[in-house]
Structure formats: structure tokens, C-alpha cells
Amino acid sequence: MLKIYGASTFNATKVLFTAEELGLQYEYDHLDFAKGDHKSAEHLKRHPLGKVPALEHNGNYLFESASLCRYLANISNKQLYSEEPVKAAKIDQMIDLVCHHAGKWLAVYFYQEVVMMKYYQKEADEKAIAEAKGFLDQQLPYLDKVLAQSKFLCGDDISIADTVALPYFHACLITSVKLDAYPAIQRWIEEGVSRPAFQKALAAMPQ
């Protein structure tokens, strides 16, 4: 049995979105941060840092969202991924580009403007937002160029690069991130969030 542990975060959405696109049967266990579920002794066996998402499958516990998405693709005959080394590497490099660069700075917006204000009643750190904007101004033009040339991030077929990347952009629709200058990214977001698999992933989590 495949079991996914998560909370209402874009990292958990990545894994649920991937599982839904792959058509996998799974059980979802939603952890309540307010109750400290993620720091329980039971969950620390799944994720030693007490974070989400985590995955349980055939007696094994795994964690780190991008790695979980790769794992789900690998146990599904490489669907959304590739057996061809160069193609797989291109998917991996796009995942790394998003997670370590553009997604990192989108996450700053979300943390500062949503998490800090909602949960800590603190104003956003404008210096942090300015820094994030500076890097996104360098990185988003490249992603827009890629998406102007193909339907998805790694060609005309959806891959785990998209299931990993889209939740960052979706989460930031409620922040001050401006995407007006990036029509291809806007098209990709609009089409991606309307996919049945993405809607099912969102429906699994309390908002």
C-alpha cells in the first residue's frame, strides 16, 4: 500500500499531483501542524526532520518532495519521466532549476506574504521580497522562453518537471508576484491547474 503524509503545502501538492497524474492508488494522511502531528515520534520515523511530505511504500519510508515524485514515476514504468538517460537528465535539470532557483524565490514570497502574516501576524520582510524579485526577474524570462517553445517544461508531454514546478506557481497566485510579462508561464499555469489530477490533489488537502 502506498501512503502519502502531507499538509496543505506546495511540497505535498507536488507528490499528490504526481500520484494523480500517474493514476496511482494511494492513501493520504493529512498532518495537523497546529497539533504537532509532524513532530510526533511516529512521524519522525518517516521524516527525521519532522517535515512533510513523506511516503510509505512496501515497508520503506522516503522523504523530500522531488525525490518522491521521481520514485513514483520510477515505480510506474518511468511514466512522466524517461528511461533514456539524456531525456531523464533534462527533466532532472529542470526540476533542480525550479527547486533551487525560481521555486526557491517564489517560496520566499509565499512565506513572507502568506505564512508570516497568517500564522505569525507579522508583516512581510520587504528586503526578502526585493531579493526574491531580483532573482525571479533573472530566472522567469528563461522559463517563459521554454514554455513559449513547448507545451510543458520538457517538451510537449507532461513530466515530473511540471508536477514539481506547478505547485510553486499556483501557491504564489495569492502573493504579489507579478507574471504579466510572462504570457507562456501564465498559459502553462492556467492549463496546469485545470488538469483533473491537479484538482484532485488540491481536493485531498484542507485549504
Protein backbone atom coordinates (compact mmCIF):
# COMPACT_ATOMS: atom_id res chain seq x y z
CA MET A 1 0.00 0.00 0.00
CA LEU A 2 1.23 3.46 -0.92
CA LYS A 3 0.67 6.08 1.75
CA ILE A 4 1.46 9.78 1.46
CA TYR A 5 1.81 12.01 4.51
CA GLY A 6 1.37 15.71 3.98
CA ALA A 7 -0.15 19.05 4.91
CA SER A 8 -1.52 22.00 2.94
CA THR A 9 1.82 22.95 1.39
CA PHE A 10 3.06 23.18 -2.17
CA ASN A 11 5.60 20.44 -1.43
CA ALA A 12 2.87 17.97 -0.54
CA THR A 13 0.86 19.11 -3.57
CA LYS A 14 3.76 18.09 -5.82
CA VAL A 15 3.57 14.49 -4.63
CA LEU A 16 -0.22 14.22 -4.74
CA PHE A 17 -0.31 15.82 -8.19
CA THR A 18 2.29 13.33 -9.44
CA ALA A 19 0.43 10.38 -7.95
CA GLU A 20 -2.82 11.52 -9.54
CA GLU A 21 -1.24 12.05 -12.97
CA LEU A 22 0.20 8.54 -12.74
CA GLY A 23 -3.17 7.09 -11.75
CA LEU A 24 -1.75 5.51 -8.61
CA GLN A 25 -3.88 4.18 -5.79
CA TYR A 26 -2.77 5.71 -2.50
CA GLU A 27 -3.92 6.68 0.96
CA TYR A 28 -3.39 10.25 2.08
CA ASP A 29 -2.77 11.11 5.73
CA HIS A 30 -3.13 14.83 6.43
CA LEU A 31 -0.99 16.01 9.35
CA ASP A 32 -2.13 18.91 11.52
CA PHE A 33 0.79 21.23 12.19
CA ALA A 34 -1.16 23.07 14.87
CA LYS A 35 -1.41 19.83 16.85
CA GLY A 36 2.24 18.98 16.27
CA ASP A 37 1.49 15.85 14.24
CA HIS A 38 4.63 16.43 12.17
CA LYS A 39 6.84 16.34 15.27
CA SER A 40 5.37 13.17 16.75
CA ALA A 41 7.66 10.22 17.40
CA GLU A 42 5.70 8.25 14.82
CA HIS A 43 6.22 10.83 12.09
CA LEU A 44 9.89 11.34 12.94
CA LYS A 45 10.39 7.72 11.89
CA ARG A 46 9.07 8.69 8.46
CA HIS A 47 10.89 12.01 8.18
CA PRO A 48 13.82 12.60 10.58
CA LEU A 49 13.40 16.39 10.36
CA GLY A 50 9.69 16.29 11.16
CA LYS A 51 8.59 17.75 7.84
CA VAL A 52 6.23 16.86 5.01
CA PRO A 53 5.73 15.26 2.62
CA ALA A 54 6.80 11.74 3.43
CA LEU A 55 5.87 8.48 1.78
CA GLU A 56 5.44 4.91 2.96
CA HIS A 57 5.59 2.07 0.47
CA ASN A 58 6.29 -1.63 0.93
CA GLY A 59 7.71 -1.04 4.38
CA ASN A 60 10.02 1.76 3.27
CA TYR A 61 9.84 5.40 4.35
CA LEU A 62 11.01 8.09 1.93
CA PHE A 63 11.03 11.90 2.02
CA GLU A 64 11.96 15.07 0.04
CA SER A 65 9.26 16.07 -2.43
CA ALA A 66 11.20 15.98 -5.71
CA SER A 67 12.72 12.62 -4.81
CA LEU A 68 9.26 11.28 -4.01
CA CYS A 69 7.99 12.39 -7.41
CA ARG A 70 10.88 10.60 -9.12
CA TYR A 71 10.18 7.50 -7.07
CA LEU A 72 6.51 7.47 -8.04
CA ALA A 73 7.47 7.82 -11.70
CA ASN A 74 10.05 5.04 -11.39
CA ILE A 75 7.58 2.56 -9.91
CA SER A 76 5.17 3.43 -12.73
CA ASN A 77 7.34 2.26 -15.63
CA LYS A 78 9.04 5.65 -15.90
CA GLN A 79 5.79 7.43 -16.78
CA LEU A 80 6.26 11.23 -16.56
CA TYR A 81 10.00 10.51 -16.61
CA SER A 82 12.24 8.63 -19.08
CA GLU A 83 14.38 5.53 -19.45
CA GLU A 84 16.56 7.45 -21.91
CA PRO A 85 19.48 8.98 -19.94
CA VAL A 86 19.68 12.35 -21.69
CA LYS A 87 15.93 12.94 -21.57
CA ALA A 88 15.85 11.94 -17.90
CA ALA A 89 18.76 14.30 -17.21
CA LYS A 90 16.93 17.18 -18.90
CA ILE A 91 13.89 16.51 -16.72
CA ASP A 92 16.15 16.38 -13.66
CA GLN A 93 17.90 19.62 -14.56
CA MET A 94 14.58 21.41 -14.92
CA ILE A 95 13.46 20.05 -11.55
CA ASP A 96 16.70 21.28 -9.98
CA LEU A 97 16.43 24.65 -11.69
CA VAL A 98 12.93 25.15 -10.31
CA CYS A 99 13.57 23.78 -6.81
CA HIS A 100 16.90 25.53 -6.24
CA HIS A 101 16.25 28.77 -8.10
CA ALA A 102 12.84 30.04 -9.30
CA GLY A 103 10.83 27.89 -6.87
CA LYS A 104 13.07 28.93 -4.00
CA TRP A 105 12.30 32.60 -4.63
CA LEU A 106 8.60 32.01 -5.22
CA ALA A 107 8.60 30.27 -1.84
CA VAL A 108 10.04 33.42 -0.26
CA TYR A 109 7.01 35.39 -1.46
CA PHE A 110 4.65 32.75 -0.12
CA TYR A 111 6.40 32.50 3.23
CA GLN A 112 6.67 36.25 3.74
CA GLU A 113 3.24 37.31 2.46
CA VAL A 114 1.11 34.34 3.48
CA VAL A 115 2.72 32.25 6.21
CA MET A 116 4.24 35.11 8.22
CA MET A 117 1.10 37.22 8.10
CA LYS A 118 -1.42 34.44 8.61
CA TYR A 119 0.31 32.38 11.28
CA TYR A 120 2.63 34.85 12.99
CA GLN A 121 0.76 38.13 12.41
CA LYS A 122 3.98 39.71 11.16
CA GLU A 123 4.44 41.97 8.19
CA ALA A 124 6.41 40.68 5.22
CA ASP A 125 10.14 41.41 5.18
CA GLU A 126 10.41 43.82 2.25
CA LYS A 127 14.13 43.19 1.88
CA ALA A 128 13.49 39.48 1.45
CA ILE A 129 10.77 40.21 -1.12
CA ALA A 130 13.06 42.59 -3.03
CA GLU A 131 15.82 39.99 -3.10
CA ALA A 132 13.40 37.33 -4.36
CA LYS A 133 12.08 39.65 -7.06
CA GLY A 134 15.61 40.41 -8.23
CA PHE A 135 16.38 36.74 -8.78
CA LEU A 136 12.99 35.97 -10.35
CA ASP A 137 13.50 38.84 -12.79
CA GLN A 138 16.57 36.94 -13.99
CA GLN A 139 15.08 33.42 -13.96
CA LEU A 140 11.47 33.72 -15.10
CA PRO A 141 12.34 35.02 -18.60
CA TYR A 142 14.14 31.73 -19.28
CA LEU A 143 11.18 29.63 -18.13
CA ASP A 144 8.83 31.77 -20.21
CA LYS A 145 11.04 31.20 -23.27
CA VAL A 146 10.99 27.44 -22.67
CA LEU A 147 7.21 27.40 -22.35
CA ALA A 148 6.79 29.57 -25.43
CA GLN A 149 8.50 26.81 -27.40
CA SER A 150 6.77 23.77 -25.90
CA LYS A 151 3.56 22.95 -24.08
CA PHE A 152 5.34 21.74 -20.95
CA LEU A 153 8.70 22.36 -19.30
CA CYS A 154 10.42 19.44 -21.04
CA GLY A 155 8.55 19.14 -24.30
CA ASP A 156 5.01 18.57 -25.43
CA ASP A 157 4.27 15.86 -22.84
CA ILE A 158 3.79 16.49 -19.15
CA SER A 159 6.60 15.23 -16.93
CA ILE A 160 7.54 15.28 -13.28
CA ALA A 161 9.26 18.60 -14.01
CA ASP A 162 5.77 20.06 -14.38
CA THR A 163 4.24 18.24 -11.40
CA VAL A 164 7.10 19.51 -9.24
CA ALA A 165 7.09 23.08 -10.59
CA LEU A 166 3.41 23.95 -10.94
CA PRO A 167 2.55 23.93 -7.19
CA TYR A 168 5.10 26.71 -6.54
CA PHE A 169 3.46 28.95 -9.11
CA HIS A 170 -0.07 28.06 -8.05
CA ALA A 171 0.68 28.86 -4.40
CA CYS A 172 2.05 32.25 -5.40
CA LEU A 173 -1.07 33.33 -7.24
CA ILE A 174 -2.20 34.77 -3.90
CA THR A 175 1.02 36.75 -3.42
CA SER A 176 2.31 39.93 -5.04
CA VAL A 177 4.38 38.02 -7.61
CA LYS A 178 3.80 39.65 -11.00
CA LEU A 179 3.60 37.36 -14.03
CA ASP A 180 2.13 39.82 -16.54
CA ALA A 181 5.36 39.88 -18.54
CA TYR A 182 5.37 36.09 -18.90
CA PRO A 183 2.43 35.01 -21.08
CA ALA A 184 3.77 31.50 -21.68
CA ILE A 185 4.13 30.88 -17.94
CA GLN A 186 0.60 32.20 -17.41
CA ARG A 187 -0.74 29.85 -20.10
CA TRP A 188 1.08 26.89 -18.53
CA ILE A 189 -0.27 27.71 -15.05
CA GLU A 190 -3.84 28.12 -16.32
CA GLU A 191 -3.76 24.83 -18.21
CA GLY A 192 -1.95 23.02 -15.40
CA VAL A 193 -4.26 23.98 -12.55
CA SER A 194 -7.28 22.96 -14.63
CA ARG A 195 -5.98 19.40 -15.05
CA PRO A 196 -8.17 16.85 -13.21
CA ALA A 197 -5.11 15.44 -11.45
CA PHE A 198 -4.19 18.82 -10.00
CA GLN A 199 -7.74 19.47 -8.85
CA LYS A 200 -7.84 16.06 -7.15
CA ALA A 201 -4.56 16.82 -5.42
CA LEU A 202 -5.94 20.09 -4.04
CA ALA A 203 -9.20 18.43 -3.02
CA ALA A 204 -7.32 15.94 -0.86
CA MET A 205 -5.98 18.70 1.39
CA PRO A 206 -7.91 21.02 3.67
CA GLN A 207 -7.28 24.55 2.40
